[in-house]
C-alpha cells in the first residue's frame, strides 16, 4: 500500500523553491513526521482495539453467565457451577486487566492524539501545496515556506507537550482536551471551506445593492427629467399667454 509520504514525494520535488535544501527539510521533517505518527497511531490502534474488544465482549458475557447460574440446578449440566465459576473469574480478570492497561498506557488518549496530529499535518501540507486556506494570499510556495515550517513545528511542539504532560511529574499541567481540540480543528477547517461561500455571498449581496441603487438612481433621474419637462411646458404656455395678451392689447384702438 502506498504511503502518504510516497504519494506526496513527487509533489515536493515539483515545488518551485529557491534553495535545494528546502525540499529536503520538507521531506525529512514534514513527511517523516507524518510517517512516524502514522506508525505510532496504527501500533496504538491495534492494542486499543484488542483491549476494547475484550472489555466490551466480557461485559456482555459476564452477566449472561451469572444469570444462567440462577436456573434450577436439576436442569443444568453436571459441574455447571464449577464451569460458570471459573468462566466468570476468567472473564472478570480479563476485563479488569484490559481496562487497567487502557488506563495505564493511556491507549485511548494516545490513539486519538496521534490520529489528530496526523490529520492536522496532512491538512497543513495540502493547504501549502495548493496555496489554499491560510496560504491563499501568498503568490508562491517560496513566500509561504516559512509560515508552513512554523505551522508544522507548532503542531509538533503541541504534540510533544501533550505526550509528556501525561507523566506523573507533570500531572499538574492542563490535561489534553480531545473534544476541544477536535472542535477547534473542525472550526478552522469549516472557516477555510466556507470562506469562498462567504465571498460569493458577499459579492452577490454587493451586486444586488449596486443594482438596486442604480435602478433607483435611474428612476429618480427619469422622474426629474419628466418634472423639468412639465415645468418647461408650463413656462412656455405662460410666456405664450402673455404674448397673446399683449397682442390683443395692441390691437384695441
Protein backbone atom coordinates (compact mmCIF):
# COMPACT_ATOMS: atom_id res chain seq x y z
CA UNK A 1 0.00 0.00 0.00
CA UNK A 2 1.36 3.40 -0.99
CA UNK A 3 2.05 5.64 1.98
CA UNK A 4 1.29 9.33 2.21
CA UNK A 5 4.99 10.21 2.07
CA UNK A 6 5.41 8.27 -1.18
CA UNK A 7 2.39 9.97 -2.75
CA UNK A 8 3.47 13.46 -1.76
CA UNK A 9 7.17 12.96 -2.53
CA UNK A 10 6.66 13.70 -6.22
CA UNK A 11 4.70 16.85 -5.38
CA UNK A 12 7.55 18.09 -3.17
CA UNK A 13 10.04 17.50 -5.99
CA UNK A 14 7.96 19.70 -8.30
CA UNK A 15 7.74 22.65 -5.89
CA UNK A 16 9.46 25.82 -7.09
CA UNK A 17 11.74 26.65 -4.17
CA UNK A 18 14.90 28.73 -4.47
CA UNK A 19 17.03 26.69 -2.08
CA UNK A 20 17.53 22.98 -2.69
CA UNK A 21 17.67 22.09 1.00
CA UNK A 22 14.13 23.48 1.50
CA UNK A 23 12.74 20.41 -0.26
CA UNK A 24 14.97 18.17 1.88
CA UNK A 25 13.64 19.84 5.02
CA UNK A 26 10.06 19.23 3.90
CA UNK A 27 10.80 15.55 3.22
CA UNK A 28 12.86 14.84 6.35
CA UNK A 29 10.84 16.95 8.77
CA UNK A 30 7.30 17.09 7.43
CA UNK A 31 6.86 13.77 5.59
CA UNK A 32 8.93 11.79 8.09
CA UNK A 33 6.86 13.18 10.96
CA UNK A 34 3.67 12.05 9.25
CA UNK A 35 5.10 8.56 8.67
CA UNK A 36 6.30 8.42 12.29
CA UNK A 37 2.94 9.37 13.79
CA UNK A 38 1.08 7.09 11.38
CA UNK A 39 3.13 4.16 12.66
CA UNK A 40 2.51 5.13 16.27
CA UNK A 41 -1.19 5.58 15.54
CA UNK A 42 -1.50 2.15 13.88
CA UNK A 43 0.52 0.47 16.64
CA UNK A 44 -1.59 2.05 19.36
CA UNK A 45 -4.79 1.34 17.44
CA UNK A 46 -4.03 -2.40 17.37
CA UNK A 47 -3.73 -2.72 21.17
CA UNK A 48 -6.53 -0.24 21.76
CA UNK A 49 -8.96 -2.28 19.66
CA UNK A 50 -7.87 -5.58 21.27
CA UNK A 51 -8.35 -4.37 24.83
CA UNK A 52 -11.59 -2.57 23.98
CA UNK A 53 -12.91 -5.74 22.33
CA UNK A 54 -12.11 -7.77 25.45
CA UNK A 55 -13.77 -5.21 27.74
CA UNK A 56 -16.89 -4.95 25.60
CA UNK A 57 -17.27 -8.69 24.98
CA UNK A 58 -16.57 -9.59 28.60
CA UNK A 59 -19.07 -7.01 29.86
CA UNK A 60 -21.73 -8.70 27.71
CA UNK A 61 -20.85 -12.34 28.53
CA UNK A 62 -20.37 -11.98 32.29
CA UNK A 63 -23.99 -11.03 33.19
CA UNK A 64 -25.28 -13.71 30.82
CA UNK A 65 -23.20 -16.43 32.51
CA UNK A 66 -24.14 -15.27 36.01
CA UNK A 67 -27.84 -15.22 35.10
CA UNK A 68 -27.65 -18.84 33.89
CA UNK A 69 -26.49 -19.85 37.35
CA UNK A 70 -29.85 -18.79 38.78
CA UNK A 71 -31.64 -21.58 36.91
CA UNK A 72 -32.84 -24.85 38.51
CA UNK A 73 -29.71 -26.95 39.30
CA UNK A 74 -31.54 -30.12 38.17
CA UNK A 75 -31.87 -28.68 34.67
CA UNK A 76 -28.22 -27.67 34.39
CA UNK A 77 -25.38 -29.93 33.17
CA UNK A 78 -23.09 -31.68 35.62
CA UNK A 79 -20.39 -29.47 37.21
CA UNK A 80 -22.01 -26.45 35.63
CA UNK A 81 -21.43 -24.40 38.78
CA UNK A 82 -17.68 -25.01 38.58
CA UNK A 83 -17.63 -24.11 34.89
CA UNK A 84 -19.54 -20.87 35.42
CA UNK A 85 -17.34 -20.02 38.42
CA UNK A 86 -14.05 -20.30 36.52
CA UNK A 87 -15.54 -18.74 33.39
CA UNK A 88 -16.79 -15.76 35.38
CA UNK A 89 -13.45 -15.45 37.16
CA UNK A 90 -11.51 -15.56 33.88
CA UNK A 91 -13.76 -13.06 32.15
CA UNK A 92 -13.73 -10.68 35.12
CA UNK A 93 -9.95 -10.85 35.32
CA UNK A 94 -9.60 -10.26 31.56
CA UNK A 95 -11.97 -7.29 31.61
CA UNK A 96 -10.28 -5.72 34.64
CA UNK A 97 -6.78 -6.26 33.26
CA UNK A 98 -7.70 -4.91 29.81
CA UNK A 99 -9.35 -1.84 31.27
CA UNK A 100 -6.32 -1.33 33.52
CA UNK A 101 -3.93 -1.50 30.56
CA UNK A 102 -6.07 1.02 28.68
CA UNK A 103 -5.84 3.45 31.58
CA UNK A 104 -2.20 2.71 32.43
CA UNK A 105 -0.82 3.32 28.95
CA UNK A 106 -3.49 5.91 28.00
CA UNK A 107 -4.15 3.99 24.80
CA UNK A 108 -7.41 5.80 24.09
CA UNK A 109 -5.93 9.28 24.51
CA UNK A 110 -2.77 8.39 22.59
CA UNK A 111 -4.73 6.87 19.72
CA UNK A 112 -6.93 9.94 19.40
CA UNK A 113 -3.94 12.25 19.82
CA UNK A 114 -1.86 10.52 17.13
CA UNK A 115 -4.82 10.48 14.76
CA UNK A 116 -5.38 14.19 15.30
CA UNK A 117 -1.76 15.20 14.72
CA UNK A 118 -1.58 13.10 11.53
CA UNK A 119 -4.70 14.75 10.10
CA UNK A 120 -3.51 18.22 11.14
CA UNK A 121 -0.16 17.71 9.43
CA UNK A 122 -1.80 16.36 6.28
CA UNK A 123 -4.26 19.25 6.15
CA UNK A 124 -1.42 21.73 6.65
CA UNK A 125 0.52 20.09 3.84
CA UNK A 126 -2.35 20.05 1.35
CA UNK A 127 -3.10 23.71 2.04
CA UNK A 128 0.55 24.58 1.46
CA UNK A 129 0.84 22.54 -1.74
CA UNK A 130 -2.35 24.04 -3.15
CA UNK A 131 -1.72 27.55 -1.76
CA UNK A 132 -5.19 27.49 -0.25
CA UNK A 133 -6.65 28.21 3.17
CA UNK A 134 -4.18 30.22 5.25
CA UNK A 135 -1.73 30.25 2.32
CA UNK A 136 -4.08 31.62 -0.33
CA UNK A 137 -2.65 35.14 0.00
CA UNK A 138 0.87 34.00 -0.87
CA UNK A 139 1.86 34.32 -4.55
CA UNK A 140 4.28 31.35 -4.49
CA UNK A 141 5.40 28.40 -2.40
CA UNK A 142 8.67 30.16 -1.62
CA UNK A 143 6.79 33.02 0.04
CA UNK A 144 4.64 30.59 2.07
CA UNK A 145 7.51 28.29 3.04
CA UNK A 146 8.44 29.99 6.31
CA UNK A 147 4.87 30.13 7.56
CA UNK A 148 4.40 26.47 6.61
CA UNK A 149 7.52 25.40 8.52
CA UNK A 150 6.39 27.40 11.53
CA UNK A 151 2.96 25.72 11.49
CA UNK A 152 4.48 22.24 11.24
CA UNK A 153 6.78 22.91 14.19
CA UNK A 154 3.87 24.32 16.19
CA UNK A 155 1.83 21.14 15.63
CA UNK A 156 4.84 19.01 16.58
CA UNK A 157 5.54 21.05 19.72
CA UNK A 158 1.93 20.77 20.94
CA UNK A 159 2.01 17.02 20.42
CA UNK A 160 5.27 16.61 22.37
CA UNK A 161 3.93 18.75 25.22
CA UNK A 162 0.78 16.64 25.32
CA UNK A 163 2.76 13.38 25.44
CA UNK A 164 4.96 14.49 28.34
CA UNK A 165 2.05 16.07 30.20
CA UNK A 166 0.70 12.54 30.79
CA UNK A 167 3.63 11.75 33.11
CA UNK A 168 3.42 11.85 36.90
CA UNK A 169 5.83 14.75 37.15
CA UNK A 170 3.62 16.90 35.01
CA UNK A 171 0.31 15.84 36.47
CA UNK A 172 -0.49 19.43 37.43
CA UNK A 173 -0.42 20.57 33.81
CA UNK A 174 -3.57 21.07 31.89
CA UNK A 175 -4.90 17.80 30.50
CA UNK A 176 -5.30 17.31 26.80
CA UNK A 177 -8.86 18.19 25.81
CA UNK A 178 -9.54 15.97 22.82
CA UNK A 179 -13.10 17.20 22.34
CA UNK A 180 -11.98 20.82 22.49
CA UNK A 181 -9.12 20.23 20.07
CA UNK A 182 -11.44 18.37 17.69
CA UNK A 183 -13.98 21.22 17.76
CA UNK A 184 -11.19 23.76 17.25
CA UNK A 185 -9.81 21.78 14.31
CA UNK A 186 -13.27 21.40 12.75
CA UNK A 187 -13.95 25.12 13.24
CA UNK A 188 -10.72 26.04 11.47
CA UNK A 189 -11.48 23.72 8.55
CA UNK A 190 -15.08 24.92 8.30
CA UNK A 191 -13.84 28.51 8.26
CA UNK A 192 -11.45 27.71 5.44
CA UNK A 193 -14.08 25.79 3.49
CA UNK A 194 -16.78 28.43 3.99
CA UNK A 195 -14.54 31.35 3.00
CA UNK A 196 -15.30 31.04 -0.76
CA UNK A 197 -19.01 30.75 0.03
CA UNK A 198 -18.90 33.88 2.19
CA UNK A 199 -17.04 35.75 -0.51
CA UNK A 200 -19.55 34.64 -3.12
CA UNK A 201 -22.47 35.64 -0.89
CA UNK A 202 -20.83 38.98 -0.13
CA UNK A 203 -20.25 39.66 -3.81
CA UNK A 204 -23.84 38.64 -4.58
CA UNK A 205 -25.22 40.98 -1.90
CA UNK A 206 -23.00 43.83 -3.10
CA UNK A 207 -24.12 43.29 -6.68
CA UNK A 208 -27.78 43.30 -5.63
CA UNK A 209 -27.32 46.50 -3.64
CA UNK A 210 -25.47 48.18 -6.51
CA UNK A 211 -28.13 47.09 -8.98
CA UNK A 212 -30.91 48.30 -6.70
CA UNK A 213 -29.21 51.66 -6.10
CA UNK A 214 -28.53 52.01 -9.82
CA UNK A 215 -32.16 51.29 -10.67
CA UNK A 216 -33.35 53.80 -8.06
CA UNK A 217 -30.93 56.45 -9.36
CA UNK A 218 -32.06 55.86 -12.96
CA UNK A 219 -35.72 56.07 -11.93
CA UNK A 220 -35.04 59.24 -9.95
CA UNK A 221 -33.27 60.85 -12.89
CA UNK A 222 -36.16 59.93 -15.16
CA UNK A 223 -38.61 61.48 -12.70
CA UNK A 224 -36.53 64.65 -12.54
CA UNK A 225 -36.38 64.82 -16.33
CA UNK A 226 -40.15 64.41 -16.59
CA UNK A 227 -40.70 67.06 -13.92
CA UNK A 228 -38.37 69.50 -15.70
CA UNK A 229 -40.13 68.79 -18.97
CA UNK A 230 -43.52 69.55 -17.39
CA UNK A 231 -42.22 72.76 -15.82
CA UNK A 232 -40.69 73.81 -19.16
CA UNK A 233 -44.03 73.26 -20.87
CA UNK A 234 -45.78 75.31 -18.18
CA UNK A 235 -43.29 78.16 -18.65
CA UNK A 236 -43.77 78.05 -22.42
CA UNK A 237 -47.54 78.16 -22.02
CA UNK A 238 -47.22 81.08 -19.60
CA UNK A 239 -44.96 83.04 -21.97
CA UNK A 240 -47.23 82.28 -24.88
CA UNK A 241 -50.25 83.51 -22.89
CA UNK A 242 -48.54 86.79 -22.01
CA UNK A 243 -47.53 87.29 -25.64
CA UNK A 244 -51.09 86.77 -26.84
CA UNK A 245 -52.42 89.21 -24.20
CA UNK A 246 -50.02 91.90 -25.37
CA UNK A 247 -51.04 91.37 -28.96
CA UNK A 248 -54.69 91.79 -28.01
CA UNK A 249 -53.92 94.98 -26.12
CA UNK A 250 -52.12 96.44 -29.15
CA UNK A 251 -54.98 95.57 -31.46
CA UNK A 252 -57.51 97.52 -29.35
CA UNK A 253 -57.71 101.26 -30.63
